[in-house]
PDB file of N, CA and C in Angstrom:
ATOM      1  N   UNK A   1       0.838  -1.168   0.000  1.00  0.00           N
ATOM      2  CA  UNK A   1       0.000   0.000   0.000  1.00  0.00           C
ATOM      3  C   UNK A   1       0.891   1.242   0.000  1.00  0.00           C
ATOM      4  N   UNK A   2       0.624   2.169  -0.887  1.00  0.00           N
ATOM      5  CA  UNK A   2       1.434   3.371  -0.975  1.00  0.00           C
ATOM      6  C   UNK A   2       0.958   4.412   0.025  1.00  0.00           C
ATOM      7  N   UNK A   3       1.811   5.394   0.282  1.00  0.00           N
ATOM      8  CA  UNK A   3       1.461   6.465   1.199  1.00  0.00           C
ATOM      9  C   UNK A   3       0.220   7.197   0.732  1.00  0.00           C
ATOM     10  N   UNK A   4       0.118   7.471  -0.569  1.00  0.00           N
ATOM     11  CA  UNK A   4      -1.026   8.218  -1.074  1.00  0.00           C
ATOM     12  C   UNK A   4      -2.321   7.432  -0.932  1.00  0.00           C
ATOM     13  N   UNK A   5      -2.268   6.099  -0.992  1.00  0.00           N
ATOM     14  CA  UNK A   5      -3.489   5.325  -0.843  1.00  0.00           C
ATOM     15  C   UNK A   5      -3.901   5.214   0.621  1.00  0.00           C
ATOM     16  N   UNK A   6      -2.974   5.423   1.563  1.00  0.00           N
ATOM     17  CA  UNK A   6      -3.307   5.406   2.983  1.00  0.00           C
ATOM     18  C   UNK A   6      -3.833   6.754   3.464  1.00  0.00           C
ATOM     19  N   UNK A   7      -3.459   7.822   2.779  1.00  0.00           N
ATOM     20  CA  UNK A   7      -3.837   9.162   3.195  1.00  0.00           C
ATOM     21  C   UNK A   7      -5.336   9.327   3.014  1.00  0.00           C
ATOM     22  N   UNK A   8      -5.996   9.801   4.059  1.00  0.00           N
ATOM     23  CA  UNK A   8      -7.439   9.940   4.021  1.00  0.00           C
ATOM     24  C   UNK A   8      -7.892  11.321   3.576  1.00  0.00           C
ATOM     25  N   UNK A   9      -7.078  12.326   3.783  1.00  0.00           N
ATOM     26  CA  UNK A   9      -7.450  13.690   3.430  1.00  0.00           C
ATOM     27  C   UNK A   9      -6.453  14.257   2.440  1.00  0.00           C
ATOM     28  N   UNK A  10      -6.973  15.034   1.504  1.00  0.00           N
ATOM     29  CA  UNK A  10      -6.114  15.692   0.526  1.00  0.00           C
ATOM     30  C   UNK A  10      -5.280  16.760   1.221  1.00  0.00           C
ATOM     31  N   UNK A  11      -3.999  16.809   0.880  1.00  0.00           N
ATOM     32  CA  UNK A  11      -3.122  17.847   1.421  1.00  0.00           C
ATOM     33  C   UNK A  11      -2.984  18.964   0.404  1.00  0.00           C
ATOM     34  N   UNK A  12      -2.949  20.183   0.918  1.00  0.00           N
ATOM     35  CA  UNK A  12      -2.785  21.356   0.079  1.00  0.00           C
ATOM     36  C   UNK A  12      -1.307  21.703  -0.052  1.00  0.00           C
ATOM     37  N   UNK A  13      -0.868  21.936  -1.274  1.00  0.00           N
ATOM     38  CA  UNK A  13       0.505  22.361  -1.513  1.00  0.00           C
ATOM     39  C   UNK A  13       0.628  23.811  -1.064  1.00  0.00           C
ATOM     40  N   UNK A  14       1.700  24.119  -0.367  1.00  0.00           N
ATOM     41  CA  UNK A  14       1.907  25.447   0.178  1.00  0.00           C
ATOM     42  C   UNK A  14       2.740  26.263  -0.799  1.00  0.00           C
ATOM     43  N   UNK A  15       2.164  27.350  -1.297  1.00  0.00           N
ATOM     44  CA  UNK A  15       2.853  28.221  -2.249  1.00  0.00           C
ATOM     45  C   UNK A  15       3.773  29.206  -1.537  1.00  0.00           C
ATOM     46  N   UNK A  16       3.383  29.656  -0.339  1.00  0.00           N
ATOM     47  CA  UNK A  16       4.173  30.619   0.420  1.00  0.00           C
ATOM     48  C   UNK A  16       5.232  29.903   1.245  1.00  0.00           C
ATOM     49  N   UNK A  17       6.248  30.628   1.654  1.00  0.00           N
ATOM     50  CA  UNK A  17       7.316  30.057   2.466  1.00  0.00           C
ATOM     51  C   UNK A  17       6.872  29.963   3.920  1.00  0.00           C
ATOM     52  N   UNK A  18       6.862  28.745   4.441  1.00  0.00           N
ATOM     53  CA  UNK A  18       6.580  28.502   5.850  1.00  0.00           C
ATOM     54  C   UNK A  18       7.785  27.746   6.406  1.00  0.00           C
ATOM     55  N   UNK A  19       8.549  28.425   7.249  1.00  0.00           N
ATOM     56  CA  UNK A  19       9.714  27.806   7.873  1.00  0.00           C
ATOM     57  C   UNK A  19       9.257  26.937   9.025  1.00  0.00           C
ATOM     58  N   UNK A  20       9.887  25.773   9.182  1.00  0.00           N
ATOM     59  CA  UNK A  20       9.528  24.849  10.256  1.00  0.00           C
ATOM     60  C   UNK A  20      10.758  24.594  11.114  1.00  0.00           C
ATOM     61  N   UNK A  21      10.558  24.739  12.429  1.00  0.00           N
ATOM     62  CA  UNK A  21      11.635  24.513  13.391  1.00  0.00           C
ATOM     63  C   UNK A  21      11.207  23.463  14.395  1.00  0.00           C
ATOM     64  N   UNK A  22      12.182  22.846  15.022  1.00  0.00           N
ATOM     65  CA  UNK A  22      11.951  21.979  16.172  1.00  0.00           C
ATOM     66  C   UNK A  22      11.919  22.915  17.376  1.00  0.00           C
ATOM     67  N   UNK A  23      10.748  23.133  17.953  1.00  0.00           N
ATOM     68  CA  UNK A  23      10.594  24.105  19.035  1.00  0.00           C
ATOM     69  C   UNK A  23      11.349  23.697  20.293  1.00  0.00           C
ATOM     70  N   UNK A  24      11.579  22.413  20.484  1.00  0.00           N
ATOM     71  CA  UNK A  24      12.268  21.950  21.687  1.00  0.00           C
ATOM     72  C   UNK A  24      13.785  22.115  21.574  1.00  0.00           C
ATOM     73  N   UNK A  25      14.314  21.923  20.380  1.00  0.00           N
ATOM     74  CA  UNK A  25      15.762  21.995  20.163  1.00  0.00           C
ATOM     75  C   UNK A  25      16.191  23.326  19.552  1.00  0.00           C
ATOM     76  N   UNK A  26      15.213  24.168  19.214  1.00  0.00           N
ATOM     77  CA  UNK A  26      15.464  25.448  18.536  1.00  0.00           C
ATOM     78  C   UNK A  26      16.365  25.210  17.319  1.00  0.00           C
ATOM     79  N   UNK A  27      15.913  24.304  16.473  1.00  0.00           N
ATOM     80  CA  UNK A  27      16.691  23.869  15.323  1.00  0.00           C
ATOM     81  C   UNK A  27      15.822  23.980  14.072  1.00  0.00           C
ATOM     82  N   UNK A  28      16.362  24.579  13.001  1.00  0.00           N
ATOM     83  CA  UNK A  28      15.634  24.646  11.736  1.00  0.00           C
ATOM     84  C   UNK A  28      15.518  23.253  11.140  1.00  0.00           C
ATOM     85  N   UNK A  29      14.285  22.875  10.755  1.00  0.00           N
ATOM     86  CA  UNK A  29      14.069  21.565  10.149  1.00  0.00           C
ATOM     87  C   UNK A  29      13.892  21.651   8.646  1.00  0.00           C
ATOM     88  N   UNK A  30      13.252  22.719   8.165  1.00  0.00           N
ATOM     89  CA  UNK A  30      13.049  22.839   6.729  1.00  0.00           C
ATOM     90  C   UNK A  30      11.865  23.695   6.384  1.00  0.00           C
ATOM     91  N   UNK A  31      11.274  23.405   5.227  1.00  0.00           N
ATOM     92  CA  UNK A  31      10.145  24.161   4.702  1.00  0.00           C
ATOM     93  C   UNK A  31       8.920  23.263   4.601  1.00  0.00           C
ATOM     94  N   UNK A  32       7.767  23.839   4.891  1.00  0.00           N
ATOM     95  CA  UNK A  32       6.499  23.132   4.751  1.00  0.00           C
ATOM     96  C   UNK A  32       6.190  22.980   3.269  1.00  0.00           C
ATOM     97  N   UNK A  33       5.911  21.748   2.842  1.00  0.00           N
ATOM     98  CA  UNK A  33       5.596  21.466   1.444  1.00  0.00           C
ATOM     99  C   UNK A  33       4.092  21.377   1.245  1.00  0.00           C
ATOM    100  N   UNK A  34       3.431  20.585   2.108  1.00  0.00           N
ATOM    101  CA  UNK A  34       1.977  20.486   2.039  1.00  0.00           C
ATOM    102  C   UNK A  34       1.435  20.164   3.418  1.00  0.00           C
ATOM    103  N   UNK A  35       0.105  20.360   3.574  1.00  0.00           N
ATOM    104  CA  UNK A  35      -0.501  20.180   4.894  1.00  0.00           C
ATOM    105  C   UNK A  35      -1.979  19.865   4.747  1.00  0.00           C
ATOM    106  N   UNK A  36      -2.497  19.119   5.712  1.00  0.00           N
ATOM    107  CA  UNK A  36      -3.933  18.895   5.880  1.00  0.00           C
ATOM    108  C   UNK A  36      -4.201  19.018   7.374  1.00  0.00           C
ATOM    109  N   UNK A  37      -5.415  18.802   7.785  1.00  0.00           N
ATOM    110  CA  UNK A  37      -5.724  18.857   9.224  1.00  0.00           C
ATOM    111  C   UNK A  37      -5.025  17.731   9.988  1.00  0.00           C
ATOM    112  N   UNK A  38      -4.670  16.648   9.290  1.00  0.00           N
ATOM    113  CA  UNK A  38      -4.109  15.476   9.958  1.00  0.00           C
ATOM    114  C   UNK A  38      -2.615  15.257   9.752  1.00  0.00           C
ATOM    115  N   UNK A  39      -2.033  15.916   8.759  1.00  0.00           N
ATOM    116  CA  UNK A  39      -0.634  15.633   8.482  1.00  0.00           C
ATOM    117  C   UNK A  39       0.029  16.722   7.668  1.00  0.00           C
ATOM    118  N   UNK A  40       1.349  16.576   7.533  1.00  0.00           N
ATOM    119  CA  UNK A  40       2.108  17.542   6.756  1.00  0.00           C
ATOM    120  C   UNK A  40       3.384  16.898   6.236  1.00  0.00           C
ATOM    121  N   UNK A  41       3.983  17.546   5.234  1.00  0.00           N
ATOM    122  CA  UNK A  41       5.241  17.078   4.685  1.00  0.00           C
ATOM    123  C   UNK A  41       6.224  18.243   4.661  1.00  0.00           C
ATOM    124  N   UNK A  42       7.465  17.925   5.021  1.00  0.00           N
ATOM    125  CA  UNK A  42       8.548  18.905   5.035  1.00  0.00           C
ATOM    126  C   UNK A  42       9.620  18.516   4.034  1.00  0.00           C
ATOM    127  N   UNK A  43      10.346  19.525   3.573  1.00  0.00           N
ATOM    128  CA  UNK A  43      11.582  19.320   2.834  1.00  0.00           C
ATOM    129  C   UNK A  43      12.649  20.094   3.588  1.00  0.00           C
ATOM    130  N   UNK A  44      13.698  19.397   3.979  1.00  0.00           N
ATOM    131  CA  UNK A  44      14.721  20.091   4.745  1.00  0.00           C
ATOM    132  C   UNK A  44      15.952  19.252   4.993  1.00  0.00           C
ATOM    133  N   UNK A  45      16.624  19.583   6.077  1.00  0.00           N
ATOM    134  CA  UNK A  45      17.857  18.883   6.435  1.00  0.00           C
ATOM    135  C   UNK A  45      17.562  17.429   6.775  1.00  0.00           C
ATOM    136  N   UNK A  46      18.517  16.592   6.474  1.00  0.00           N
ATOM    137  CA  UNK A  46      18.369  15.157   6.679  1.00  0.00           C
ATOM    138  C   UNK A  46      18.732  14.784   8.119  1.00  0.00           C
ATOM    139  N   UNK A  47      17.973  15.298   9.083  1.00  0.00           N
ATOM    140  CA  UNK A  47      18.251  14.990  10.483  1.00  0.00           C
ATOM    141  C   UNK A  47      16.997  14.548  11.241  1.00  0.00           C
ATOM    142  N   UNK A  48      15.924  14.253  10.524  1.00  0.00           N
ATOM    143  CA  UNK A  48      14.684  13.806  11.157  1.00  0.00           C
ATOM    144  C   UNK A  48      14.700  12.290  11.324  1.00  0.00           C
ATOM    145  N   UNK A  49      14.012  11.821  12.349  1.00  0.00           N
ATOM    146  CA  UNK A  49      13.987  10.391  12.657  1.00  0.00           C
ATOM    147  C   UNK A  49      12.554   9.869  12.641  1.00  0.00           C
ATOM    148  N   UNK A  50      12.343   8.792  11.912  1.00  0.00           N
ATOM    149  CA  UNK A  50      11.035   8.139  11.884  1.00  0.00           C
ATOM    150  C   UNK A  50      10.656   7.678  13.288  1.00  0.00           C
ATOM    151  N   UNK A  51       9.371   7.792  13.621  1.00  0.00           N
ATOM    152  CA  UNK A  51       8.872   7.319  14.903  1.00  0.00           C
ATOM    153  C   UNK A  51       9.092   8.280  16.054  1.00  0.00           C
ATOM    154  N   UNK A  52       9.734   9.402  15.804  1.00  0.00           N
ATOM    155  CA  UNK A  52       9.979  10.383  16.863  1.00  0.00           C
ATOM    156  C   UNK A  52       8.881  11.439  16.891  1.00  0.00           C
ATOM    157  N   UNK A  53       8.640  11.967  18.079  1.00  0.00           N
ATOM    158  CA  UNK A  53       7.671  13.046  18.253  1.00  0.00           C
ATOM    159  C   UNK A  53       8.402  14.377  18.222  1.00  0.00           C
ATOM    160  N   UNK A  54       7.774  15.352  17.589  1.00  0.00           N
ATOM    161  CA  UNK A  54       8.356  16.681  17.458  1.00  0.00           C
ATOM    162  C   UNK A  54       7.329  17.734  17.858  1.00  0.00           C
ATOM    163  N   UNK A  55       7.801  18.789  18.490  1.00  0.00           N
ATOM    164  CA  UNK A  55       6.997  19.983  18.701  1.00  0.00           C
ATOM    165  C   UNK A  55       7.439  20.944  17.601  1.00  0.00           C
ATOM    166  N   UNK A  56       6.622  21.061  16.564  1.00  0.00           N
ATOM    167  CA  UNK A  56       6.978  21.860  15.403  1.00  0.00           C
ATOM    168  C   UNK A  56       6.528  23.294  15.582  1.00  0.00           C
ATOM    169  N   UNK A  57       7.371  24.202  15.143  1.00  0.00           N
ATOM    170  CA  UNK A  57       7.052  25.631  15.142  1.00  0.00           C
ATOM    171  C   UNK A  57       6.989  26.072  13.691  1.00  0.00           C
ATOM    172  N   UNK A  58       5.800  26.448  13.229  1.00  0.00           N
ATOM    173  CA  UNK A  58       5.606  26.907  11.860  1.00  0.00           C
ATOM    174  C   UNK A  58       5.642  28.421  11.863  1.00  0.00           C
ATOM    175  N   UNK A  59       6.571  28.988  11.101  1.00  0.00           N
ATOM    176  CA  UNK A  59       6.824  30.418  11.130  1.00  0.00           C
ATOM    177  C   UNK A  59       6.546  31.034   9.766  1.00  0.00           C
ATOM    178  N   UNK A  60       5.487  31.846   9.700  1.00  0.00           N
ATOM    179  CA  UNK A  60       5.132  32.560   8.471  1.00  0.00           C
ATOM    180  C   UNK A  60       4.337  33.801   8.852  1.00  0.00           C
ATOM    181  N   UNK A  61       5.031  34.864   9.270  1.00  0.00           N
ATOM    182  CA  UNK A  61       4.339  36.062   9.752  1.00  0.00           C
ATOM    183  C   UNK A  61       3.328  36.636   8.766  1.00  0.00           C
ATOM    184  N   UNK A  62       3.625  36.593   7.484  1.00  0.00           N
ATOM    185  CA  UNK A  62       2.716  37.157   6.487  1.00  0.00           C
ATOM    186  C   UNK A  62       1.427  36.353   6.363  1.00  0.00           C
ATOM    187  N   UNK A  63       1.491  35.069   6.690  1.00  0.00           N
ATOM    188  CA  UNK A  63       0.314  34.205   6.563  1.00  0.00           C
ATOM    189  C   UNK A  63      -0.465  34.138   7.871  1.00  0.00           C
ATOM    190  N   UNK A  64       0.233  33.849   8.960  1.00  0.00           N
ATOM    191  CA  UNK A  64      -0.438  33.594  10.232  1.00  0.00           C
ATOM    192  C   UNK A  64      -0.708  34.858  11.039  1.00  0.00           C
ATOM    193  N   UNK A  65      -0.129  35.972  10.639  1.00  0.00           N
ATOM    194  CA  UNK A  65      -0.309  37.275  11.256  1.00  0.00           C
ATOM    195  C   UNK A  65      -0.245  37.207  12.772  1.00  0.00           C
ATOM    196  N   UNK A  66      -1.321  37.464  13.490  1.00  0.00           N
ATOM    197  CA  UNK A  66      -1.304  37.517  14.947  1.00  0.00           C
ATOM    198  C   UNK A  66      -1.092  36.184  15.638  1.00  0.00           C
ATOM    199  N   UNK A  67      -1.165  35.097  14.901  1.00  0.00           N
ATOM    200  CA  UNK A  67      -0.997  33.763  15.493  1.00  0.00           C
ATOM    201  C   UNK A  67       0.402  33.209  15.310  1.00  0.00           C
ATOM    202  N   UNK A  68       1.265  33.949  14.652  1.00  0.00           N
ATOM    203  CA  UNK A  68       2.606  33.458  14.328  1.00  0.00           C
ATOM    204  C   UNK A  68       3.495  33.447  15.561  1.00  0.00           C
ATOM    205  N   UNK A  69       4.289  32.409  15.775  1.00  0.00           N
ATOM    206  CA  UNK A  69       4.306  31.141  15.046  1.00  0.00           C
ATOM    207  C   UNK A  69       3.217  30.196  15.556  1.00  0.00           C
ATOM    208  N   UNK A  70       2.953  29.154  14.764  1.00  0.00           N
ATOM    209  CA  UNK A  70       2.026  28.100  15.186  1.00  0.00           C
ATOM    210  C   UNK A  70       2.841  26.957  15.775  1.00  0.00           C
ATOM    211  N   UNK A  71       2.298  26.319  16.789  1.00  0.00           N
ATOM    212  CA  UNK A  71       2.951  25.157  17.391  1.00  0.00           C
ATOM    213  C   UNK A  71       2.069  23.935  17.163  1.00  0.00           C
ATOM    214  N   UNK A  72       2.682  22.884  16.633  1.00  0.00           N
ATOM    215  CA  UNK A  72       1.966  21.654  16.297  1.00  0.00           C
ATOM    216  C   UNK A  72       2.784  20.474  16.792  1.00  0.00           C
ATOM    217  N   UNK A  73       2.142  19.581  17.536  1.00  0.00           N
ATOM    218  CA  UNK A  73       2.771  18.335  17.938  1.00  0.00           C
ATOM    219  C   UNK A  73       2.553  17.303  16.843  1.00  0.00           C
ATOM    220  N   UNK A  74       3.628  16.641  16.414  1.00  0.00           N
ATOM    221  CA  UNK A  74       3.503  15.703  15.303  1.00  0.00           C
ATOM    222  C   UNK A  74       4.496  14.558  15.437  1.00  0.00           C
ATOM    223  N   UNK A  75       4.099  13.408  14.877  1.00  0.00           N
ATOM    224  CA  UNK A  75       4.975  12.240  14.830  1.00  0.00           C
ATOM    225  C   UNK A  75       5.523  12.093  13.419  1.00  0.00           C
ATOM    226  N   UNK A  76       6.826  11.911  13.305  1.00  0.00           N
ATOM    227  CA  UNK A  76       7.449  11.681  12.008  1.00  0.00           C
ATOM    228  C   UNK A  76       7.183  10.223  11.596  1.00  0.00           C
ATOM    229  N   UNK A  77       6.446  10.041  10.518  1.00  0.00           N
ATOM    230  CA  UNK A  77       6.086   8.703  10.060  1.00  0.00           C
ATOM    231  C   UNK A  77       7.099   8.115   9.087  1.00  0.00           C
ATOM    232  N   UNK A  78       7.721   8.973   8.274  1.00  0.00           N
ATOM    233  CA  UNK A  78       8.678   8.483   7.293  1.00  0.00           C
ATOM    234  C   UNK A  78       9.649   9.590   6.907  1.00  0.00           C
ATOM    235  N   UNK A  79      10.812   9.173   6.478  1.00  0.00           N
ATOM    236  CA  UNK A  79      11.836  10.082   5.972  1.00  0.00           C
ATOM    237  C   UNK A  79      12.402   9.459   4.707  1.00  0.00           C
ATOM    238  N   UNK A  80      12.499  10.246   3.648  1.00  0.00           N
ATOM    239  CA  UNK A  80      13.076   9.756   2.394  1.00  0.00           C
ATOM    240  C   UNK A  80      14.242  10.660   2.025  1.00  0.00           C
ATOM    241  N   UNK A  81      15.426  10.065   1.951  1.00  0.00           N
ATOM    242  CA  UNK A  81      16.632  10.819   1.622  1.00  0.00           C
ATOM    243  C   UNK A  81      17.591   9.934   0.854  1.00  0.00           C
ATOM    244  N   UNK A  82      18.403  10.556   0.041  1.00  0.00           N
ATOM    245  CA  UNK A  82      19.481   9.858  -0.655  1.00  0.00           C
ATOM    246  C   UNK A  82      20.705   9.872   0.252  1.00  0.00           C
ATOM    247  N   UNK A  83      21.522   8.845   0.182  1.00  0.00           N
ATOM    248  CA  UNK A  83      22.701   8.728   1.047  1.00  0.00           C
ATOM    249  C   UNK A  83      23.640   9.919   0.947  1.00  0.00           C
ATOM    250  N   UNK A  84      23.820  10.443  -0.243  1.00  0.00           N
ATOM    251  CA  UNK A  84      24.788  11.522  -0.432  1.00  0.00           C
ATOM    252  C   UNK A  84      24.156  12.915  -0.419  1.00  0.00           C
ATOM    253  N   UNK A  85      22.880  12.996  -0.087  1.00  0.00           N
ATOM    254  CA  UNK A  85      22.178  14.279  -0.088  1.00  0.00           C
ATOM    255  C   UNK A  85      21.902  14.719   1.349  1.00  0.00           C
ATOM    256  N   UNK A  86      22.244  15.945   1.716  1.00  0.00           N
ATOM    257  CA  UNK A  86      21.989  16.411   3.076  1.00  0.00           C
ATOM    258  C   UNK A  86      20.533  16.802   3.316  1.00  0.00           C
ATOM    259  N   UNK A  87      19.694  16.690   2.288  1.00  0.00           N
ATOM    260  CA  UNK A  87      18.289  17.061   2.415  1.00  0.00           C
ATOM    261  C   UNK A  87      17.391  15.822   2.361  1.00  0.00           C
ATOM    262  N   UNK A  88      16.174  15.985   2.904  1.00  0.00           N
ATOM    263  CA  UNK A  88      15.234  14.863   2.890  1.00  0.00           C
ATOM    264  C   UNK A  88      13.805  15.378   2.819  1.00  0.00           C
ATOM    265  N   UNK A  89      12.914  14.465   2.488  1.00  0.00           N
ATOM    266  CA  UNK A  89      11.477  14.674   2.566  1.00  0.00           C
ATOM    267  C   UNK A  89      11.017  13.921   3.796  1.00  0.00           C
ATOM    268  N   UNK A  90      10.069  14.464   4.542  1.00  0.00           N
ATOM    269  CA  UNK A  90       9.573  13.779   5.737  1.00  0.00           C
ATOM    270  C   UNK A  90       8.071  13.995   5.879  1.00  0.00           C
ATOM    271  N   UNK A  91       7.378  12.919   6.234  1.00  0.00           N
ATOM    272  CA  UNK A  91       5.935  12.974   6.439  1.00  0.00           C
ATOM    273  C   UNK A  91       5.595  12.864   7.910  1.00  0.00           C
ATOM    274  N   UNK A  92       4.647  13.676   8.355  1.00  0.00           N
ATOM    275  CA  UNK A  92       4.243  13.732   9.760  1.00  0.00           C
ATOM    276  C   UNK A  92       2.744  13.548   9.915  1.00  0.00           C
ATOM    277  N   UNK A  93       2.372  12.919  11.012  1.00  0.00           N
ATOM    278  CA  UNK A  93       0.975  12.845  11.438  1.00  0.00           C
ATOM    279  C   UNK A  93       0.801  13.848  12.576  1.00  0.00           C
ATOM    280  N   UNK A  94      -0.135  14.768  12.418  1.00  0.00           N
ATOM    281  CA  UNK A  94      -0.393  15.769  13.460  1.00  0.00           C
ATOM    282  C   UNK A  94      -1.139  15.093  14.599  1.00  0.00           C
ATOM    283  N   UNK A  95      -0.597  15.230  15.813  1.00  0.00           N
ATOM    284  CA  UNK A  95      -1.227  14.598  16.969  1.00  0.00           C
ATOM    285  C   UNK A  95      -1.779  15.600  17.971  1.00  0.00           C
ATOM    286  N   UNK A  96      -1.337  16.863  17.880  1.00  0.00           N
ATOM    287  CA  UNK A  96      -1.818  17.853  18.838  1.00  0.00           C
ATOM    288  C   UNK A  96      -1.597  19.261  18.303  1.00  0.00           C
ATOM    289  N   UNK A  97      -2.628  20.096  18.441  1.00  0.00           N
ATOM    290  CA  UNK A  97      -2.484  21.520  18.153  1.00  0.00           C
ATOM    291  C   UNK A  97      -3.644  22.251  18.810  1.00  0.00           C
ATOM    292  N   UNK A  98      -3.404  23.503  19.128  1.00  0.00           N
ATOM    293  CA  UNK A  98      -4.444  24.319  19.757  1.00  0.00           C
ATOM    294  C   UNK A  98      -5.560  24.598  18.744  1.00  0.00           C
ATOM    295  N   UNK A  99      -6.684  25.057  19.250  1.00  0.00           N
ATOM    296  CA  UNK A  99      -7.784  25.419  18.354  1.00  0.00           C
ATOM    297  C   UNK A  99      -7.360  26.559  17.436  1.00  0.00           C
ATOM    298  N   UNK A 100      -6.561  27.493  17.956  1.00  0.00           N
ATOM    299  CA  UNK A 100      -6.074  28.600  17.136  1.00  0.00           C
ATOM    300  C   UNK A 100      -5.194  28.087  15.995  1.00  0.00           C
ATOM    301  N   UNK A 101      -4.327  27.126  16.299  1.00  0.00           N
ATOM    302  CA  UNK A 101      -3.477  26.534  15.262  1.00  0.00           C
ATOM    303  C   UNK A 101      -4.327  25.783  14.246  1.00  0.00           C
ATOM    304  N   UNK A 102      -5.333  25.051  14.714  1.00  0.00           N
ATOM    305  CA  UNK A 102      -6.221  24.326  13.803  1.00  0.00           C
ATOM    306  C   UNK A 102      -6.959  25.294  12.878  1.00  0.00           C
ATOM    307  N   UNK A 103      -7.401  26.431  13.422  1.00  0.00           N
ATOM    308  CA  UNK A 103      -8.069  27.442  12.604  1.00  0.00           C
ATOM    309  C   UNK A 103      -7.117  28.025  11.554  1.00  0.00           C
ATOM    310  N   UNK A 104      -5.865  28.266  11.960  1.00  0.00           N
ATOM    311  CA  UNK A 104      -4.872  28.802  11.031  1.00  0.00           C
ATOM    312  C   UNK A 104      -4.550  27.792   9.927  1.00  0.00           C
ATOM    313  N   UNK A 105      -4.442  26.509  10.290  1.00  0.00           N
ATOM    314  CA  UNK A 105      -4.202  25.467   9.281  1.00  0.00           C
ATOM    315  C   UNK A 105      -5.384  25.412   8.318  1.00  0.00           C
ATOM    316  N   UNK A 106      -6.595  25.482   8.862  1.00  0.00           N
ATOM    317  CA  UNK A 106      -7.792  25.482   8.000  1.00  0.00           C
ATOM    318  C   UNK A 106      -7.756  26.657   7.032  1.00  0.00           C
ATOM    319  N   UNK A 107      -7.373  27.836   7.539  1.00  0.00           N
ATOM    320  CA  UNK A 107      -7.267  29.021   6.692  1.00  0.00           C
ATOM    321  C   UNK A 107      -6.223  28.794   5.602  1.00  0.00           C
ATOM    322  N   UNK A 108      -5.111  28.181   5.977  1.00  0.00           N
ATOM    323  CA  UNK A 108      -4.022  27.930   5.033  1.00  0.00           C
ATOM    324  C   UNK A 108      -4.449  26.976   3.922  1.00  0.00           C
ATOM    325  N   UNK A 109      -5.211  25.950   4.255  1.00  0.00           N
ATOM    326  CA  UNK A 109      -5.582  24.959   3.237  1.00  0.00           C
ATOM    327  C   UNK A 109      -6.804  25.375   2.411  1.00  0.00           C
ATOM    328  N   UNK A 110      -7.440  26.476   2.805  1.00  0.00           N
ATOM    329  CA  UNK A 110      -8.600  26.937   2.032  1.00  0.00           C
ATOM    330  C   UNK A 110      -8.320  28.214   1.258  1.00  0.00           C
ATOM    331  N   UNK A 111      -7.052  28.686   1.285  1.00  0.00           N
ATOM    332  CA  UNK A 111      -6.702  29.902   0.526  1.00  0.00           C
ATOM    333  C   UNK A 111      -6.789  29.619  -0.946  1.00  0.00           C
TER     334      UNK A 111
END
C-alpha cells in the first residue's frame, strides 16, 4: 500500500514560504511542502527520525499574522533521503495543536 493510498485527506501544496523549526531543540528543520488537518510534509535537512515526536514551530508572519508562530505536535512517520544528499522529505501525522493553530491550518488549506 502506498502512502497516497493510505492518506485519508487531501493535502494542500503550500505556495508561500513557511519555515519549520523543532521548538524543543530550537533547530531549523526545513520548509512546509503540504498540509492537511491530519498531516504535513517537510523538505529540509536530513536529520529527522522516523517514529519520533516533534513539537513543530511553523513560522510565516505574512500568513499567520497575529498567530505566528504556530505550534503543532507531530509524529514523524517516514523520511526519504538519498545517502549523499543532506536534504530529505519527511511525512508527519499531526497529533496535537491548539484550536487557534487548527483554525490557522484550515485558513491555510482553504486559501
